[in-house]
């Protein structure tokens, strides 16, 4: 089984944001959603991956945490 950085996608009240993605990034989101679906057995829409991926990125950014504390 593939060890992905995301394991679940929580469904919370969203804030609508409109953005444009490069085609390659969109293809990667689709592929990630497919792999996640195979690993978890749950279908996930690729656009629902963006928020948890950003959250994970921000949570793991030590420089951001340090700058935010000061």
Protein backbone atom coordinates (compact mmCIF):
# COMPACT_ATOMS: atom_id res chain seq x y z
CA UNK A 1 0.00 0.00 0.00
CA UNK A 2 1.23 3.49 -0.85
CA UNK A 3 1.97 5.80 2.09
CA UNK A 4 0.37 9.12 1.12
CA UNK A 5 0.70 12.35 3.09
CA UNK A 6 -3.11 12.66 3.14
CA UNK A 7 -5.18 9.89 4.63
CA UNK A 8 -8.61 11.51 4.92
CA UNK A 9 -10.35 14.61 3.67
CA UNK A 10 -12.63 16.22 6.25
CA UNK A 11 -15.85 17.80 5.11
CA UNK A 12 -16.21 21.19 6.82
CA UNK A 13 -18.15 24.33 5.98
CA UNK A 14 -16.13 25.71 3.09
CA UNK A 15 -15.09 29.20 2.12
CA UNK A 16 -15.32 29.62 -1.63
CA UNK A 17 -12.08 30.50 -3.41
CA UNK A 18 -11.65 30.59 -7.15
CA UNK A 19 -8.22 29.85 -8.58
CA UNK A 20 -6.58 28.76 -11.77
CA UNK A 21 -4.24 25.78 -11.72
CA UNK A 22 -1.61 24.81 -14.24
CA UNK A 23 -2.74 21.79 -16.29
CA UNK A 24 0.10 19.63 -14.94
CA UNK A 25 -0.91 20.34 -11.34
CA UNK A 26 -4.53 19.50 -12.13
CA UNK A 27 -3.46 16.18 -13.68
CA UNK A 28 -1.43 15.44 -10.56
CA UNK A 29 -4.43 16.19 -8.34
CA UNK A 30 -6.53 13.79 -10.40
CA UNK A 31 -3.86 11.09 -10.14
CA UNK A 32 -3.50 11.68 -6.38
CA UNK A 33 -7.28 11.39 -5.92
CA UNK A 34 -7.28 8.11 -7.85
CA UNK A 35 -4.44 6.67 -5.75
CA UNK A 36 -6.09 7.87 -2.54
CA UNK A 37 -9.36 6.25 -3.62
CA UNK A 38 -7.62 2.93 -4.22
CA UNK A 39 -5.82 3.14 -0.87
CA UNK A 40 -8.79 4.23 1.23
CA UNK A 41 -11.74 2.86 -0.69
CA UNK A 42 -13.38 6.31 -0.68
CA UNK A 43 -13.80 8.43 -3.78
CA UNK A 44 -12.47 11.97 -3.40
CA UNK A 45 -12.95 14.82 -5.85
CA UNK A 46 -9.53 16.21 -6.86
CA UNK A 47 -10.49 19.79 -5.92
CA UNK A 48 -11.23 18.64 -2.36
CA UNK A 49 -7.56 17.70 -1.99
CA UNK A 50 -6.30 21.27 -2.30
CA UNK A 51 -7.29 22.50 1.17
CA UNK A 52 -5.90 19.51 3.13
CA UNK A 53 -2.70 19.61 1.08
CA UNK A 54 -2.24 23.31 1.85
CA UNK A 55 -3.01 22.70 5.52
CA UNK A 56 -0.44 19.91 5.66
CA UNK A 57 2.13 22.06 3.89
CA UNK A 58 1.61 25.00 6.27
CA UNK A 59 1.62 22.73 9.34
CA UNK A 60 4.98 21.29 8.32
CA UNK A 61 6.66 24.62 7.47
CA UNK A 62 8.97 25.37 10.41
CA UNK A 63 10.00 28.78 9.10
CA UNK A 64 6.34 29.81 8.89
CA UNK A 65 5.70 28.69 12.46
CA UNK A 66 8.76 30.55 13.70
CA UNK A 67 7.86 33.75 11.81
CA UNK A 68 4.28 33.59 13.07
CA UNK A 69 5.42 33.36 16.70
CA UNK A 70 7.51 36.50 16.39
